[in-house]
């Protein structure tokens, strides 16, 4: 399983979790995804792949969960692009 697939699997699982640990779980999944890639550009591309999949998912795309994931990913991409 690729790092992006693993991250998407975790995000999908977390979309069904009804408690406050979701934010920590999303951050942990994104941290793991970033750690899987050495190059900053590869990290940005991997984050974009996650962002696109979450946006396409009709179950979560327009929900508060989907918006939280989108904002989390976008913040990370901006931070990485500043370092590049």
PDB file of N, CA and C in Angstrom:
ATOM      1  N   UNK A   1       0.845  -1.171   0.000  1.00  0.00           N
ATOM      2  CA  UNK A   1       0.000   0.000   0.000  1.00  0.00           C
ATOM      3  C   UNK A   1       0.898   1.245   0.000  1.00  0.00           C
ATOM      4  N   UNK A   2       0.608   2.174  -0.872  1.00  0.00           N
ATOM      5  CA  UNK A   2       1.420   3.387  -0.966  1.00  0.00           C
ATOM      6  C   UNK A   2       1.135   4.306   0.222  1.00  0.00           C
ATOM      7  N   UNK A   3       2.037   5.234   0.508  1.00  0.00           N
ATOM      8  CA  UNK A   3       1.789   6.175   1.610  1.00  0.00           C
ATOM      9  C   UNK A   3       0.503   6.984   1.428  1.00  0.00           C
ATOM     10  N   UNK A   4       0.198   7.373   0.204  1.00  0.00           N
ATOM     11  CA  UNK A   4      -1.031   8.125  -0.051  1.00  0.00           C
ATOM     12  C   UNK A   4      -2.243   7.246   0.227  1.00  0.00           C
ATOM     13  N   UNK A   5      -2.215   6.006  -0.225  1.00  0.00           N
ATOM     14  CA  UNK A   5      -3.329   5.081   0.029  1.00  0.00           C
ATOM     15  C   UNK A   5      -3.518   4.831   1.510  1.00  0.00           C
ATOM     16  N   UNK A   6      -2.406   4.666   2.223  1.00  0.00           N
ATOM     17  CA  UNK A   6      -2.475   4.469   3.673  1.00  0.00           C
ATOM     18  C   UNK A   6      -3.107   5.680   4.354  1.00  0.00           C
ATOM     19  N   UNK A   7      -2.689   6.861   3.943  1.00  0.00           N
ATOM     20  CA  UNK A   7      -3.226   8.091   4.519  1.00  0.00           C
ATOM     21  C   UNK A   7      -4.720   8.208   4.224  1.00  0.00           C
ATOM     22  N   UNK A   8      -5.108   7.951   2.991  1.00  0.00           N
ATOM     23  CA  UNK A   8      -6.523   8.021   2.621  1.00  0.00           C
ATOM     24  C   UNK A   8      -7.353   6.999   3.395  1.00  0.00           C
ATOM     25  N   UNK A   9      -6.797   5.823   3.607  1.00  0.00           N
ATOM     26  CA  UNK A   9      -7.493   4.800   4.387  1.00  0.00           C
ATOM     27  C   UNK A   9      -7.735   5.295   5.815  1.00  0.00           C
ATOM     28  N   UNK A  10      -6.726   5.896   6.417  1.00  0.00           N
ATOM     29  CA  UNK A  10      -6.865   6.421   7.778  1.00  0.00           C
ATOM     30  C   UNK A  10      -7.856   7.574   7.833  1.00  0.00           C
ATOM     31  N   UNK A  11      -7.798   8.460   6.840  1.00  0.00           N
ATOM     32  CA  UNK A  11      -8.735   9.582   6.790  1.00  0.00           C
ATOM     33  C   UNK A  11     -10.161   9.064   6.645  1.00  0.00           C
ATOM     34  N   UNK A  12     -10.356   8.078   5.787  1.00  0.00           N
ATOM     35  CA  UNK A  12     -11.682   7.494   5.600  1.00  0.00           C
ATOM     36  C   UNK A  12     -12.189   6.888   6.902  1.00  0.00           C
ATOM     37  N   UNK A  13     -11.324   6.174   7.597  1.00  0.00           N
ATOM     38  CA  UNK A  13     -11.704   5.587   8.884  1.00  0.00           C
ATOM     39  C   UNK A  13     -12.075   6.681   9.887  1.00  0.00           C
ATOM     40  N   UNK A  14     -11.294   7.735   9.921  1.00  0.00           N
ATOM     41  CA  UNK A  14     -11.536   8.815  10.879  1.00  0.00           C
ATOM     42  C   UNK A  14     -12.815   9.584  10.576  1.00  0.00           C
ATOM     43  N   UNK A  15     -13.272   9.552   9.333  1.00  0.00           N
ATOM     44  CA  UNK A  15     -14.503  10.266   8.988  1.00  0.00           C
ATOM     45  C   UNK A  15     -15.710   9.689   9.723  1.00  0.00           C
ATOM     46  N   UNK A  16     -15.598   8.456  10.202  1.00  0.00           N
ATOM     47  CA  UNK A  16     -16.702   7.814  10.918  1.00  0.00           C
ATOM     48  C   UNK A  16     -16.550   7.877  12.431  1.00  0.00           C
ATOM     49  N   UNK A  17     -15.463   8.448  12.908  1.00  0.00           N
ATOM     50  CA  UNK A  17     -15.215   8.523  14.350  1.00  0.00           C
ATOM     51  C   UNK A  17     -15.959   9.728  14.913  1.00  0.00           C
ATOM     52  N   UNK A  18     -16.823   9.505  15.921  1.00  0.00           N
ATOM     53  CA  UNK A  18     -17.645  10.603  16.426  1.00  0.00           C
ATOM     54  C   UNK A  18     -17.070  11.351  17.633  1.00  0.00           C
ATOM     55  N   UNK A  19     -15.787  11.291  17.865  1.00  0.00           N
ATOM     56  CA  UNK A  19     -15.263  11.968  19.056  1.00  0.00           C
ATOM     57  C   UNK A  19     -14.172  12.979  18.718  1.00  0.00           C
ATOM     58  N   UNK A  20     -13.599  13.550  19.746  1.00  0.00           N
ATOM     59  CA  UNK A  20     -12.650  14.653  19.567  1.00  0.00           C
ATOM     60  C   UNK A  20     -11.240  14.212  19.181  1.00  0.00           C
ATOM     61  N   UNK A  21     -11.006  12.937  19.022  1.00  0.00           N
ATOM     62  CA  UNK A  21      -9.675  12.466  18.642  1.00  0.00           C
ATOM     63  C   UNK A  21      -9.427  12.553  17.142  1.00  0.00           C
ATOM     64  N   UNK A  22     -10.427  12.975  16.398  1.00  0.00           N
ATOM     65  CA  UNK A  22     -10.325  13.033  14.945  1.00  0.00           C
ATOM     66  C   UNK A  22      -9.210  13.972  14.512  1.00  0.00           C
ATOM     67  N   UNK A  23      -9.134  15.152  15.103  1.00  0.00           N
ATOM     68  CA  UNK A  23      -8.109  16.126  14.705  1.00  0.00           C
ATOM     69  C   UNK A  23      -6.714  15.552  14.908  1.00  0.00           C
ATOM     70  N   UNK A  24      -6.490  14.915  16.049  1.00  0.00           N
ATOM     71  CA  UNK A  24      -5.187  14.298  16.308  1.00  0.00           C
ATOM     72  C   UNK A  24      -4.902  13.184  15.315  1.00  0.00           C
ATOM     73  N   UNK A  25      -5.925  12.408  14.979  1.00  0.00           N
ATOM     74  CA  UNK A  25      -5.758  11.314  14.018  1.00  0.00           C
ATOM     75  C   UNK A  25      -5.427  11.818  12.626  1.00  0.00           C
ATOM     76  N   UNK A  26      -6.089  12.897  12.205  1.00  0.00           N
ATOM     77  CA  UNK A  26      -5.812  13.483  10.883  1.00  0.00           C
ATOM     78  C   UNK A  26      -4.380  13.997  10.849  1.00  0.00           C
ATOM     79  N   UNK A  27      -3.991  14.720  11.889  1.00  0.00           N
ATOM     80  CA  UNK A  27      -2.620  15.246  11.935  1.00  0.00           C
ATOM     81  C   UNK A  27      -1.589  14.120  11.939  1.00  0.00           C
ATOM     82  N   UNK A  28      -1.868  13.051  12.652  1.00  0.00           N
ATOM     83  CA  UNK A  28      -0.942  11.914  12.681  1.00  0.00           C
ATOM     84  C   UNK A  28      -0.843  11.259  11.305  1.00  0.00           C
ATOM     85  N   UNK A  29      -1.974  11.102  10.622  1.00  0.00           N
ATOM     86  CA  UNK A  29      -1.971  10.496   9.284  1.00  0.00           C
ATOM     87  C   UNK A  29      -1.199  11.373   8.297  1.00  0.00           C
ATOM     88  N   UNK A  30      -1.377  12.687   8.391  1.00  0.00           N
ATOM     89  CA  UNK A  30      -0.664  13.594   7.492  1.00  0.00           C
ATOM     90  C   UNK A  30       0.823  13.656   7.830  1.00  0.00           C
ATOM     91  N   UNK A  31       1.149  13.575   9.124  1.00  0.00           N
ATOM     92  CA  UNK A  31       2.561  13.526   9.526  1.00  0.00           C
ATOM     93  C   UNK A  31       3.238  12.285   8.948  1.00  0.00           C
ATOM     94  N   UNK A  32       2.546  11.157   9.045  1.00  0.00           N
ATOM     95  CA  UNK A  32       3.089   9.901   8.516  1.00  0.00           C
ATOM     96  C   UNK A  32       3.270   9.979   7.004  1.00  0.00           C
ATOM     97  N   UNK A  33       2.304  10.598   6.329  1.00  0.00           N
ATOM     98  CA  UNK A  33       2.403  10.761   4.878  1.00  0.00           C
ATOM     99  C   UNK A  33       3.625  11.600   4.518  1.00  0.00           C
ATOM    100  N   UNK A  34       3.795  12.723   5.189  1.00  0.00           N
ATOM    101  CA  UNK A  34       4.944  13.581   4.900  1.00  0.00           C
ATOM    102  C   UNK A  34       6.261  12.881   5.202  1.00  0.00           C
ATOM    103  N   UNK A  35       6.289  12.106   6.257  1.00  0.00           N
ATOM    104  CA  UNK A  35       7.519  11.405   6.638  1.00  0.00           C
ATOM    105  C   UNK A  35       7.921  10.349   5.610  1.00  0.00           C
ATOM    106  N   UNK A  36       6.960   9.888   4.821  1.00  0.00           N
ATOM    107  CA  UNK A  36       7.246   8.857   3.824  1.00  0.00           C
ATOM    108  C   UNK A  36       8.015   9.404   2.621  1.00  0.00           C
ATOM    109  N   UNK A  37       8.071  10.723   2.489  1.00  0.00           N
ATOM    110  CA  UNK A  37       8.740  11.340   1.346  1.00  0.00           C
ATOM    111  C   UNK A  37       9.869  12.235   1.824  1.00  0.00           C
ATOM    112  N   UNK A  38      11.009  12.129   1.174  1.00  0.00           N
ATOM    113  CA  UNK A  38      12.182  12.922   1.554  1.00  0.00           C
ATOM    114  C   UNK A  38      12.146  14.309   0.943  1.00  0.00           C
ATOM    115  N   UNK A  39      11.707  14.395  -0.283  1.00  0.00           N
ATOM    116  CA  UNK A  39      11.738  15.629  -1.044  1.00  0.00           C
ATOM    117  C   UNK A  39      10.488  16.474  -0.747  1.00  0.00           C
ATOM    118  N   UNK A  40      10.672  17.774  -0.573  1.00  0.00           N
ATOM    119  CA  UNK A  40       9.562  18.675  -0.282  1.00  0.00           C
ATOM    120  C   UNK A  40       8.522  18.661  -1.390  1.00  0.00           C
ATOM    121  N   UNK A  41       8.971  18.648  -2.624  1.00  0.00           N
ATOM    122  CA  UNK A  41       8.039  18.628  -3.762  1.00  0.00           C
ATOM    123  C   UNK A  41       7.179  17.367  -3.748  1.00  0.00           C
ATOM    124  N   UNK A  42       7.781  16.234  -3.421  1.00  0.00           N
ATOM    125  CA  UNK A  42       7.027  14.980  -3.338  1.00  0.00           C
ATOM    126  C   UNK A  42       5.987  15.053  -2.229  1.00  0.00           C
ATOM    127  N   UNK A  43       6.324  15.688  -1.130  1.00  0.00           N
ATOM    128  CA  UNK A  43       5.367  15.846  -0.028  1.00  0.00           C
ATOM    129  C   UNK A  43       4.172  16.690  -0.462  1.00  0.00           C
ATOM    130  N   UNK A  44       4.452  17.781  -1.162  1.00  0.00           N
ATOM    131  CA  UNK A  44       3.376  18.648  -1.622  1.00  0.00           C
ATOM    132  C   UNK A  44       2.457  17.896  -2.585  1.00  0.00           C
ATOM    133  N   UNK A  45       3.037  17.123  -3.490  1.00  0.00           N
ATOM    134  CA  UNK A  45       2.242  16.353  -4.454  1.00  0.00           C
ATOM    135  C   UNK A  45       1.407  15.295  -3.728  1.00  0.00           C
ATOM    136  N   UNK A  46       1.986  14.612  -2.763  1.00  0.00           N
ATOM    137  CA  UNK A  46       1.245  13.594  -2.000  1.00  0.00           C
ATOM    138  C   UNK A  46       0.086  14.229  -1.242  1.00  0.00           C
ATOM    139  N   UNK A  47       0.325  15.378  -0.630  1.00  0.00           N
ATOM    140  CA  UNK A  47      -0.744  16.083   0.072  1.00  0.00           C
ATOM    141  C   UNK A  47      -1.846  16.499  -0.906  1.00  0.00           C
ATOM    142  N   UNK A  48      -1.462  16.928  -2.097  1.00  0.00           N
ATOM    143  CA  UNK A  48      -2.446  17.310  -3.102  1.00  0.00           C
ATOM    144  C   UNK A  48      -3.301  16.110  -3.520  1.00  0.00           C
ATOM    145  N   UNK A  49      -2.691  14.944  -3.619  1.00  0.00           N
ATOM    146  CA  UNK A  49      -3.441  13.735  -3.968  1.00  0.00           C
ATOM    147  C   UNK A  49      -4.487  13.427  -2.899  1.00  0.00           C
ATOM    148  N   UNK A  50      -4.102  13.568  -1.644  1.00  0.00           N
ATOM    149  CA  UNK A  50      -5.050  13.346  -0.543  1.00  0.00           C
ATOM    150  C   UNK A  50      -6.165  14.383  -0.616  1.00  0.00           C
ATOM    151  N   UNK A  51      -5.792  15.626  -0.827  1.00  0.00           N
ATOM    152  CA  UNK A  51      -6.768  16.707  -0.917  1.00  0.00           C
ATOM    153  C   UNK A  51      -7.786  16.443  -2.030  1.00  0.00           C
ATOM    154  N   UNK A  52      -7.317  16.035  -3.190  1.00  0.00           N
ATOM    155  CA  UNK A  52      -8.212  15.766  -4.316  1.00  0.00           C
ATOM    156  C   UNK A  52      -9.166  14.612  -4.017  1.00  0.00           C
ATOM    157  N   UNK A  53      -8.656  13.554  -3.410  1.00  0.00           N
ATOM    158  CA  UNK A  53      -9.513  12.403  -3.089  1.00  0.00           C
ATOM    159  C   UNK A  53     -10.577  12.766  -2.059  1.00  0.00           C
ATOM    160  N   UNK A  54     -10.197  13.506  -1.043  1.00  0.00           N
ATOM    161  CA  UNK A  54     -11.166  13.907  -0.014  1.00  0.00           C
ATOM    162  C   UNK A  54     -12.212  14.834  -0.627  1.00  0.00           C
ATOM    163  N   UNK A  55     -11.802  15.729  -1.493  1.00  0.00           N
ATOM    164  CA  UNK A  55     -12.742  16.652  -2.148  1.00  0.00           C
ATOM    165  C   UNK A  55     -13.717  15.907  -3.056  1.00  0.00           C
ATOM    166  N   UNK A  56     -13.266  14.840  -3.701  1.00  0.00           N
ATOM    167  CA  UNK A  56     -14.120  14.060  -4.611  1.00  0.00           C
ATOM    168  C   UNK A  56     -15.104  13.157  -3.876  1.00  0.00           C
ATOM    169  N   UNK A  57     -14.768  12.781  -2.657  1.00  0.00           N
ATOM    170  CA  UNK A  57     -15.608  11.850  -1.897  1.00  0.00           C
ATOM    171  C   UNK A  57     -16.924  12.540  -1.524  1.00  0.00           C
ATOM    172  N   UNK A  58     -18.012  12.048  -2.045  1.00  0.00           N
ATOM    173  CA  UNK A  58     -19.319  12.669  -1.800  1.00  0.00           C
ATOM    174  C   UNK A  58     -19.762  12.560  -0.345  1.00  0.00           C
ATOM    175  N   UNK A  59     -19.260  11.555   0.358  1.00  0.00           N
ATOM    176  CA  UNK A  59     -19.658  11.389   1.762  1.00  0.00           C
ATOM    177  C   UNK A  59     -19.024  12.434   2.663  1.00  0.00           C
ATOM    178  N   UNK A  60     -17.812  12.857   2.343  1.00  0.00           N
ATOM    179  CA  UNK A  60     -17.093  13.754   3.247  1.00  0.00           C
ATOM    180  C   UNK A  60     -16.712  15.093   2.636  1.00  0.00           C
ATOM    181  N   UNK A  61     -16.749  15.223   1.324  1.00  0.00           N
ATOM    182  CA  UNK A  61     -16.244  16.417   0.651  1.00  0.00           C
ATOM    183  C   UNK A  61     -16.803  17.730   1.166  1.00  0.00           C
ATOM    184  N   UNK A  62     -18.113  17.839   1.332  1.00  0.00           N
ATOM    185  CA  UNK A  62     -18.732  19.095   1.746  1.00  0.00           C
ATOM    186  C   UNK A  62     -19.073  19.169   3.213  1.00  0.00           C
ATOM    187  N   UNK A  63     -18.662  18.192   3.960  1.00  0.00           N
ATOM    188  CA  UNK A  63     -18.976  18.159   5.396  1.00  0.00           C
ATOM    189  C   UNK A  63     -17.949  18.948   6.198  1.00  0.00           C
ATOM    190  N   UNK A  64     -18.258  19.225   7.459  1.00  0.00           N
ATOM    191  CA  UNK A  64     -17.252  19.875   8.306  1.00  0.00           C
ATOM    192  C   UNK A  64     -15.959  19.057   8.384  1.00  0.00           C
ATOM    193  N   UNK A  65     -16.076  17.737   8.394  1.00  0.00           N
ATOM    194  CA  UNK A  65     -14.888  16.883   8.398  1.00  0.00           C
ATOM    195  C   UNK A  65     -14.063  17.120   7.145  1.00  0.00           C
ATOM    196  N   UNK A  66     -14.705  17.129   5.994  1.00  0.00           N
ATOM    197  CA  UNK A  66     -14.001  17.352   4.734  1.00  0.00           C
ATOM    198  C   UNK A  66     -13.337  18.714   4.689  1.00  0.00           C
ATOM    199  N   UNK A  67     -14.030  19.718   5.203  1.00  0.00           N
ATOM    200  CA  UNK A  67     -13.443  21.064   5.240  1.00  0.00           C
ATOM    201  C   UNK A  67     -12.244  21.107   6.175  1.00  0.00           C
ATOM    202  N   UNK A  68     -12.323  20.393   7.304  1.00  0.00           N
ATOM    203  CA  UNK A  68     -11.194  20.348   8.227  1.00  0.00           C
ATOM    204  C   UNK A  68      -9.978  19.702   7.569  1.00  0.00           C
ATOM    205  N   UNK A  69     -10.197  18.603   6.881  1.00  0.00           N
ATOM    206  CA  UNK A  69      -9.086  17.928   6.184  1.00  0.00           C
ATOM    207  C   UNK A  69      -8.508  18.853   5.120  1.00  0.00           C
ATOM    208  N   UNK A  70      -9.380  19.507   4.349  1.00  0.00           N
ATOM    209  CA  UNK A  70      -8.910  20.400   3.292  1.00  0.00           C
ATOM    210  C   UNK A  70      -8.054  21.531   3.863  1.00  0.00           C
ATOM    211  N   UNK A  71      -8.517  22.160   4.926  1.00  0.00           N
ATOM    212  CA  UNK A  71      -7.764  23.259   5.533  1.00  0.00           C
ATOM    213  C   UNK A  71      -6.444  22.750   6.109  1.00  0.00           C
ATOM    214  N   UNK A  72      -6.465  21.589   6.731  1.00  0.00           N
ATOM    215  CA  UNK A  72      -5.239  21.016   7.295  1.00  0.00           C
ATOM    216  C   UNK A  72      -4.204  20.744   6.213  1.00  0.00           C
ATOM    217  N   UNK A  73      -4.647  20.162   5.112  1.00  0.00           N
ATOM    218  CA  UNK A  73      -3.736  19.847   4.009  1.00  0.00           C
ATOM    219  C   UNK A  73      -3.217  21.128   3.364  1.00  0.00           C
ATOM    220  N   UNK A  74      -4.111  22.079   3.130  1.00  0.00           N
ATOM    221  CA  UNK A  74      -3.685  23.328   2.490  1.00  0.00           C
ATOM    222  C   UNK A  74      -2.668  24.078   3.344  1.00  0.00           C
ATOM    223  N   UNK A  75      -2.853  24.100   4.645  1.00  0.00           N
ATOM    224  CA  UNK A  75      -1.883  24.754   5.532  1.00  0.00           C
ATOM    225  C   UNK A  75      -0.515  24.094   5.431  1.00  0.00           C
ATOM    226  N   UNK A  76      -0.505  22.788   5.382  1.00  0.00           N
ATOM    227  CA  UNK A  76       0.754  22.066   5.262  1.00  0.00           C
ATOM    228  C   UNK A  76       1.424  22.358   3.923  1.00  0.00           C
ATOM    229  N   UNK A  77       0.625  22.418   2.860  1.00  0.00           N
ATOM    230  CA  UNK A  77       1.197  22.705   1.545  1.00  0.00           C
ATOM    231  C   UNK A  77       1.816  24.100   1.513  1.00  0.00           C
ATOM    232  N   UNK A  78       1.138  25.073   2.100  1.00  0.00           N
ATOM    233  CA  UNK A  78       1.676  26.436   2.132  1.00  0.00           C
ATOM    234  C   UNK A  78       2.978  26.474   2.923  1.00  0.00           C
ATOM    235  N   UNK A  79       2.985  25.800   4.059  1.00  0.00           N
ATOM    236  CA  UNK A  79       4.187  25.763   4.893  1.00  0.00           C
ATOM    237  C   UNK A  79       5.345  25.127   4.130  1.00  0.00           C
ATOM    238  N   UNK A  80       5.079  24.023   3.441  1.00  0.00           N
ATOM    239  CA  UNK A  80       6.132  23.343   2.679  1.00  0.00           C
ATOM    240  C   UNK A  80       6.607  24.191   1.501  1.00  0.00           C
ATOM    241  N   UNK A  81       5.679  24.871   0.837  1.00  0.00           N
ATOM    242  CA  UNK A  81       6.071  25.670  -0.329  1.00  0.00           C
ATOM    243  C   UNK A  81       6.938  26.857   0.082  1.00  0.00           C
ATOM    244  N   UNK A  82       6.758  27.352   1.266  1.00  0.00           N
ATOM    245  CA  UNK A  82       7.605  28.441   1.761  1.00  0.00           C
ATOM    246  C   UNK A  82       9.034  27.961   2.019  1.00  0.00           C
ATOM    247  N   UNK A  83       9.157  26.709   2.402  1.00  0.00           N
ATOM    248  CA  UNK A  83      10.476  26.143   2.692  1.00  0.00           C
ATOM    249  C   UNK A  83      11.215  25.725   1.427  1.00  0.00           C
ATOM    250  N   UNK A  84      10.465  25.489   0.356  1.00  0.00           N
ATOM    251  CA  UNK A  84      11.067  24.969  -0.884  1.00  0.00           C
ATOM    252  C   UNK A  84      11.905  25.972  -1.610  1.00  0.00           C
TER     253      UNK A  84
END
